[in-house]
Amino acid sequence: MPREIRRDEVRRLLDRGAQLVEVLPADEFKEDHLSGAVSIPLRHIDAEGTKHLDQDRPVIVYCWDTE
């Protein structure tokens, strides 16, 4: 179930093996993203677009937008 989390919770989850997914378009991901993140643009967040994610590990989805 999606929920908003704060930075300290992100760090804790990543330390425990969570997967980090950036949902901005791929060209923006190439410009800047968090270390270890994978790019799955929001329009591809579906069964096909996420099939390479480990279903047994939590997923943190974020959008890095500087505007």
PDB file of N, CA and C in Angstrom:
ATOM      1  N   MET A   1       0.837  -1.166   0.000  1.00  0.00           N
ATOM      2  CA  MET A   1       0.000   0.000   0.000  1.00  0.00           C
ATOM      3  C   MET A   1       0.891   1.243   0.000  1.00  0.00           C
ATOM      4  N   PRO A   2       0.716   2.159  -0.931  1.00  0.00           N
ATOM      5  CA  PRO A   2       1.543   3.374  -0.974  1.00  0.00           C
ATOM      6  C   PRO A   2       1.328   4.248   0.256  1.00  0.00           C
ATOM      7  N   ARG A   3       2.431   4.856   0.705  1.00  0.00           N
ATOM      8  CA  ARG A   3       2.355   5.836   1.786  1.00  0.00           C
ATOM      9  C   ARG A   3       3.574   6.745   1.699  1.00  0.00           C
ATOM     10  N   GLU A   4       3.427   7.947   2.183  1.00  0.00           N
ATOM     11  CA  GLU A   4       4.535   8.898   2.185  1.00  0.00           C
ATOM     12  C   GLU A   4       5.451   8.577   3.357  1.00  0.00           C
ATOM     13  N   ILE A   5       6.777   8.642   3.096  1.00  0.00           N
ATOM     14  CA  ILE A   5       7.749   8.401   4.165  1.00  0.00           C
ATOM     15  C   ILE A   5       8.781   9.521   4.163  1.00  0.00           C
ATOM     16  N   ARG A   6       9.419   9.712   5.275  1.00  0.00           N
ATOM     17  CA  ARG A   6      10.441  10.748   5.422  1.00  0.00           C
ATOM     18  C   ARG A   6      11.828  10.168   5.143  1.00  0.00           C
ATOM     19  N   ARG A   7      12.785  11.069   5.019  1.00  0.00           N
ATOM     20  CA  ARG A   7      14.153  10.703   4.649  1.00  0.00           C
ATOM     21  C   ARG A   7      14.748   9.620   5.550  1.00  0.00           C
ATOM     22  N   ASP A   8      14.564   9.718   6.870  1.00  0.00           N
ATOM     23  CA  ASP A   8      15.146   8.722   7.770  1.00  0.00           C
ATOM     24  C   ASP A   8      14.552   7.326   7.525  1.00  0.00           C
ATOM     25  N   GLU A   9      13.273   7.274   7.182  1.00  0.00           N
ATOM     26  CA  GLU A   9      12.637   5.995   6.861  1.00  0.00           C
ATOM     27  C   GLU A   9      13.164   5.446   5.531  1.00  0.00           C
ATOM     28  N   VAL A  10      13.420   6.335   4.561  1.00  0.00           N
ATOM     29  CA  VAL A  10      14.016   5.909   3.283  1.00  0.00           C
ATOM     30  C   VAL A  10      15.364   5.254   3.551  1.00  0.00           C
ATOM     31  N   ARG A  11      16.192   5.905   4.328  1.00  0.00           N
ATOM     32  CA  ARG A  11      17.520   5.352   4.634  1.00  0.00           C
ATOM     33  C   ARG A  11      17.407   3.990   5.327  1.00  0.00           C
ATOM     34  N   ARG A  12      16.512   3.888   6.293  1.00  0.00           N
ATOM     35  CA  ARG A  12      16.340   2.626   7.016  1.00  0.00           C
ATOM     36  C   ARG A  12      15.902   1.509   6.065  1.00  0.00           C
ATOM     37  N   LEU A  13      14.933   1.810   5.205  1.00  0.00           N
ATOM     38  CA  LEU A  13      14.452   0.802   4.252  1.00  0.00           C
ATOM     39  C   LEU A  13      15.534   0.405   3.250  1.00  0.00           C
ATOM     40  N   LEU A  14      16.295   1.383   2.757  1.00  0.00           N
ATOM     41  CA  LEU A  14      17.381   1.062   1.824  1.00  0.00           C
ATOM     42  C   LEU A  14      18.441   0.203   2.495  1.00  0.00           C
ATOM     43  N   ASP A  15      18.756   0.494   3.748  1.00  0.00           N
ATOM     44  CA  ASP A  15      19.726  -0.321   4.492  1.00  0.00           C
ATOM     45  C   ASP A  15      19.246  -1.758   4.659  1.00  0.00           C
ATOM     46  N   ARG A  16      17.928  -1.954   4.609  1.00  0.00           N
ATOM     47  CA  ARG A  16      17.356  -3.291   4.759  1.00  0.00           C
ATOM     48  C   ARG A  16      17.048  -3.941   3.411  1.00  0.00           C
ATOM     49  N   GLY A  17      17.485  -3.311   2.292  1.00  0.00           N
ATOM     50  CA  GLY A  17      17.355  -3.950   0.987  1.00  0.00           C
ATOM     51  C   GLY A  17      16.235  -3.469   0.098  1.00  0.00           C
ATOM     52  N   ALA A  18      15.582  -2.357   0.442  1.00  0.00           N
ATOM     53  CA  ALA A  18      14.509  -1.839  -0.413  1.00  0.00           C
ATOM     54  C   ALA A  18      15.063  -1.405  -1.769  1.00  0.00           C
ATOM     55  N   GLN A  19      14.211  -1.399  -2.760  1.00  0.00           N
ATOM     56  CA  GLN A  19      14.554  -0.975  -4.118  1.00  0.00           C
ATOM     57  C   GLN A  19      14.093   0.472  -4.306  1.00  0.00           C
ATOM     58  N   LEU A  20      14.892   1.259  -5.001  1.00  0.00           N
ATOM     59  CA  LEU A  20      14.614   2.677  -5.198  1.00  0.00           C
ATOM     60  C   LEU A  20      14.272   2.913  -6.659  1.00  0.00           C
ATOM     61  N   VAL A  21      13.087   3.470  -6.927  1.00  0.00           N
ATOM     62  CA  VAL A  21      12.600   3.682  -8.288  1.00  0.00           C
ATOM     63  C   VAL A  21      12.293   5.157  -8.497  1.00  0.00           C
ATOM     64  N   GLU A  22      12.927   5.762  -9.503  1.00  0.00           N
ATOM     65  CA  GLU A  22      12.679   7.147  -9.921  1.00  0.00           C
ATOM     66  C   GLU A  22      11.661   7.118 -11.048  1.00  0.00           C
ATOM     67  N   VAL A  23      10.603   7.935 -10.958  1.00  0.00           N
ATOM     68  CA  VAL A  23       9.517   7.865 -11.940  1.00  0.00           C
ATOM     69  C   VAL A  23       9.482   9.010 -12.947  1.00  0.00           C
ATOM     70  N   LEU A  24      10.464   9.905 -12.922  1.00  0.00           N
ATOM     71  CA  LEU A  24      10.525  10.937 -13.959  1.00  0.00           C
ATOM     72  C   LEU A  24      10.921  10.314 -15.292  1.00  0.00           C
ATOM     73  N   PRO A  25      10.718  11.015 -16.398  1.00  0.00           N
ATOM     74  CA  PRO A  25      11.139  10.484 -17.707  1.00  0.00           C
ATOM     75  C   PRO A  25      12.627  10.121 -17.725  1.00  0.00           C
ATOM     76  N   ALA A  26      12.979   9.165 -18.556  1.00  0.00           N
ATOM     77  CA  ALA A  26      14.344   8.633 -18.612  1.00  0.00           C
ATOM     78  C   ALA A  26      15.398   9.706 -18.848  1.00  0.00           C
ATOM     79  N   ASP A  27      15.116  10.701 -19.694  1.00  0.00           N
ATOM     80  CA  ASP A  27      16.114  11.741 -19.955  1.00  0.00           C
ATOM     81  C   ASP A  27      16.395  12.562 -18.705  1.00  0.00           C
ATOM     82  N   GLU A  28      15.395  12.792 -17.887  1.00  0.00           N
ATOM     83  CA  GLU A  28      15.608  13.510 -16.633  1.00  0.00           C
ATOM     84  C   GLU A  28      16.347  12.639 -15.625  1.00  0.00           C
ATOM     85  N   PHE A  29      16.086  11.349 -15.635  1.00  0.00           N
ATOM     86  CA  PHE A  29      16.813  10.414 -14.774  1.00  0.00           C
ATOM     87  C   PHE A  29      18.301  10.461 -15.102  1.00  0.00           C
ATOM     88  N   LYS A  30      18.626  10.524 -16.388  1.00  0.00           N
ATOM     89  CA  LYS A  30      20.030  10.574 -16.803  1.00  0.00           C
ATOM     90  C   LYS A  30      20.726  11.823 -16.286  1.00  0.00           C
ATOM     91  N   GLU A  31      19.998  12.929 -16.189  1.00  0.00           N
ATOM     92  CA  GLU A  31      20.573  14.184 -15.700  1.00  0.00           C
ATOM     93  C   GLU A  31      20.949  14.098 -14.227  1.00  0.00           C
ATOM     94  N   ASP A  32      20.073  13.512 -13.410  1.00  0.00           N
ATOM     95  CA  ASP A  32      20.327  13.457 -11.973  1.00  0.00           C
ATOM     96  C   ASP A  32      19.365  12.476 -11.321  1.00  0.00           C
ATOM     97  N   HIS A  33      19.879  11.649 -10.440  1.00  0.00           N
ATOM     98  CA  HIS A  33      19.056  10.711  -9.679  1.00  0.00           C
ATOM     99  C   HIS A  33      19.820  10.261  -8.445  1.00  0.00           C
ATOM    100  N   LEU A  34      19.122   9.673  -7.515  1.00  0.00           N
ATOM    101  CA  LEU A  34      19.756   9.159  -6.314  1.00  0.00           C
ATOM    102  C   LEU A  34      20.563   7.903  -6.645  1.00  0.00           C
ATOM    103  N   SER A  35      21.678   7.758  -5.979  1.00  0.00           N
ATOM    104  CA  SER A  35      22.546   6.605  -6.184  1.00  0.00           C
ATOM    105  C   SER A  35      21.786   5.311  -5.907  1.00  0.00           C
ATOM    106  N   GLY A  36      21.904   4.370  -6.824  1.00  0.00           N
ATOM    107  CA  GLY A  36      21.250   3.073  -6.671  1.00  0.00           C
ATOM    108  C   GLY A  36      19.841   3.000  -7.217  1.00  0.00           C
ATOM    109  N   ALA A  37      19.302   4.128  -7.650  1.00  0.00           N
ATOM    110  CA  ALA A  37      17.930   4.148  -8.171  1.00  0.00           C
ATOM    111  C   ALA A  37      17.876   3.556  -9.575  1.00  0.00           C
ATOM    112  N   VAL A  38      16.731   2.999  -9.905  1.00  0.00           N
ATOM    113  CA  VAL A  38      16.460   2.562 -11.267  1.00  0.00           C
ATOM    114  C   VAL A  38      15.385   3.474 -11.849  1.00  0.00           C
ATOM    115  N   SER A  39      15.383   3.605 -13.148  1.00  0.00           N
ATOM    116  CA  SER A  39      14.419   4.468 -13.823  1.00  0.00           C
ATOM    117  C   SER A  39      13.253   3.649 -14.365  1.00  0.00           C
ATOM    118  N   ILE A  40      12.071   3.978 -13.881  1.00  0.00           N
ATOM    119  CA  ILE A  40      10.833   3.444 -14.457  1.00  0.00           C
ATOM    120  C   ILE A  40       9.893   4.645 -14.564  1.00  0.00           C
ATOM    121  N   PRO A  41       9.853   5.280 -15.730  1.00  0.00           N
ATOM    122  CA  PRO A  41       8.980   6.449 -15.880  1.00  0.00           C
ATOM    123  C   PRO A  41       7.549   6.131 -15.451  1.00  0.00           C
ATOM    124  N   LEU A  42       6.894   7.112 -14.873  1.00  0.00           N
ATOM    125  CA  LEU A  42       5.564   6.923 -14.302  1.00  0.00           C
ATOM    126  C   LEU A  42       4.602   6.240 -15.264  1.00  0.00           C
ATOM    127  N   ARG A  43       4.666   6.581 -16.524  1.00  0.00           N
ATOM    128  CA  ARG A  43       3.736   5.971 -17.479  1.00  0.00           C
ATOM    129  C   ARG A  43       4.016   4.478 -17.709  1.00  0.00           C
ATOM    130  N   HIS A  44       5.147   3.985 -17.179  1.00  0.00           N
ATOM    131  CA  HIS A  44       5.491   2.560 -17.306  1.00  0.00           C
ATOM    132  C   HIS A  44       5.351   1.798 -15.992  1.00  0.00           C
ATOM    133  N   ILE A  45       4.746   2.442 -14.994  1.00  0.00           N
ATOM    134  CA  ILE A  45       4.512   1.743 -13.726  1.00  0.00           C
ATOM    135  C   ILE A  45       3.286   0.844 -13.904  1.00  0.00           C
ATOM    136  N   ASP A  46       3.548  -0.336 -14.425  1.00  0.00           N
ATOM    137  CA  ASP A  46       2.527  -1.348 -14.633  1.00  0.00           C
ATOM    138  C   ASP A  46       3.221  -2.704 -14.527  1.00  0.00           C
ATOM    139  N   ALA A  47       2.508  -3.767 -14.728  1.00  0.00           N
ATOM    140  CA  ALA A  47       3.086  -5.109 -14.575  1.00  0.00           C
ATOM    141  C   ALA A  47       4.289  -5.318 -15.494  1.00  0.00           C
ATOM    142  N   GLU A  48       4.212  -4.844 -16.723  1.00  0.00           N
ATOM    143  CA  GLU A  48       5.319  -5.018 -17.669  1.00  0.00           C
ATOM    144  C   GLU A  48       6.526  -4.179 -17.276  1.00  0.00           C
ATOM    145  N   GLY A  49       6.296  -2.929 -16.911  1.00  0.00           N
ATOM    146  CA  GLY A  49       7.389  -2.014 -16.584  1.00  0.00           C
ATOM    147  C   GLY A  49       8.114  -2.343 -15.296  1.00  0.00           C
ATOM    148  N   THR A  50       7.448  -3.056 -14.407  1.00  0.00           N
ATOM    149  CA  THR A  50       8.053  -3.367 -13.112  1.00  0.00           C
ATOM    150  C   THR A  50       8.433  -4.838 -12.964  1.00  0.00           C
ATOM    151  N   LYS A  51       8.374  -5.599 -14.029  1.00  0.00           N
ATOM    152  CA  LYS A  51       8.617  -7.043 -13.921  1.00  0.00           C
ATOM    153  C   LYS A  51      10.032  -7.392 -13.460  1.00  0.00           C
ATOM    154  N   HIS A  52      11.003  -6.487 -13.644  1.00  0.00           N
ATOM    155  CA  HIS A  52      12.374  -6.788 -13.214  1.00  0.00           C
ATOM    156  C   HIS A  52      12.613  -6.464 -11.736  1.00  0.00           C
ATOM    157  N   LEU A  53      11.624  -5.874 -11.046  1.00  0.00           N
ATOM    158  CA  LEU A  53      11.769  -5.610  -9.620  1.00  0.00           C
ATOM    159  C   LEU A  53      11.558  -6.900  -8.830  1.00  0.00           C
ATOM    160  N   ASP A  54      12.275  -7.009  -7.724  1.00  0.00           N
ATOM    161  CA  ASP A  54      12.145  -8.162  -6.840  1.00  0.00           C
ATOM    162  C   ASP A  54      10.851  -8.011  -6.040  1.00  0.00           C
ATOM    163  N   GLN A  55       9.902  -8.884  -6.266  1.00  0.00           N
ATOM    164  CA  GLN A  55       8.594  -8.804  -5.615  1.00  0.00           C
ATOM    165  C   GLN A  55       8.649  -9.078  -4.112  1.00  0.00           C
ATOM    166  N   ASP A  56       9.765  -9.594  -3.625  1.00  0.00           N
ATOM    167  CA  ASP A  56       9.908  -9.901  -2.205  1.00  0.00           C
ATOM    168  C   ASP A  56      10.574  -8.776  -1.414  1.00  0.00           C
ATOM    169  N   ARG A  57      10.947  -7.687  -2.094  1.00  0.00           N
ATOM    170  CA  ARG A  57      11.603  -6.556  -1.421  1.00  0.00           C
ATOM    171  C   ARG A  57      10.734  -5.307  -1.540  1.00  0.00           C
ATOM    172  N   PRO A  58      10.723  -4.465  -0.494  1.00  0.00           N
ATOM    173  CA  PRO A  58       9.964  -3.211  -0.577  1.00  0.00           C
ATOM    174  C   PRO A  58      10.475  -2.330  -1.713  1.00  0.00           C
ATOM    175  N   VAL A  59       9.595  -1.499  -2.231  1.00  0.00           N
ATOM    176  CA  VAL A  59       9.947  -0.569  -3.313  1.00  0.00           C
ATOM    177  C   VAL A  59       9.656   0.850  -2.841  1.00  0.00           C
ATOM    178  N   ILE A  60      10.651   1.715  -2.988  1.00  0.00           N
ATOM    179  CA  ILE A  60      10.484   3.137  -2.694  1.00  0.00           C
ATOM    180  C   ILE A  60      10.416   3.850  -4.031  1.00  0.00           C
ATOM    181  N   VAL A  61       9.307   4.501  -4.293  1.00  0.00           N
ATOM    182  CA  VAL A  61       9.101   5.231  -5.543  1.00  0.00           C
ATOM    183  C   VAL A  61       9.221   6.704  -5.227  1.00  0.00           C
ATOM    184  N   TYR A  62      10.047   7.417  -6.029  1.00  0.00           N
ATOM    185  CA  TYR A  62      10.189   8.850  -5.792  1.00  0.00           C
ATOM    186  C   TYR A  62      10.263   9.598  -7.092  1.00  0.00           C
ATOM    187  N   CYS A  63      10.046  10.892  -6.975  1.00  0.00           N
ATOM    188  CA  CYS A  63      10.105  11.794  -8.117  1.00  0.00           C
ATOM    189  C   CYS A  63      10.979  12.972  -7.719  1.00  0.00           C
ATOM    190  N   TRP A  64      12.138  13.089  -8.313  1.00  0.00           N
ATOM    191  CA  TRP A  64      13.063  14.166  -8.016  1.00  0.00           C
ATOM    192  C   TRP A  64      12.791  15.305  -8.968  1.00  0.00           C
ATOM    193  N   ASP A  65      12.127  16.324  -8.487  1.00  0.00           N
ATOM    194  CA  ASP A  65      11.772  17.459  -9.330  1.00  0.00           C
ATOM    195  C   ASP A  65      12.279  18.727  -8.667  1.00  0.00           C
ATOM    196  N   THR A  66      13.153  19.454  -9.351  1.00  0.00           N
ATOM    197  CA  THR A  66      13.757  20.644  -8.757  1.00  0.00           C
ATOM    198  C   THR A  66      12.919  21.895  -8.978  1.00  0.00           C
ATOM    199  N   GLU A  67      11.823  21.787  -9.658  1.00  0.00           N
ATOM    200  CA  GLU A  67      10.986  22.965  -9.893  1.00  0.00           C
ATOM    201  C   GLU A  67       9.942  23.114  -8.828  1.00  0.00           C
TER     202      GLU A  67
END
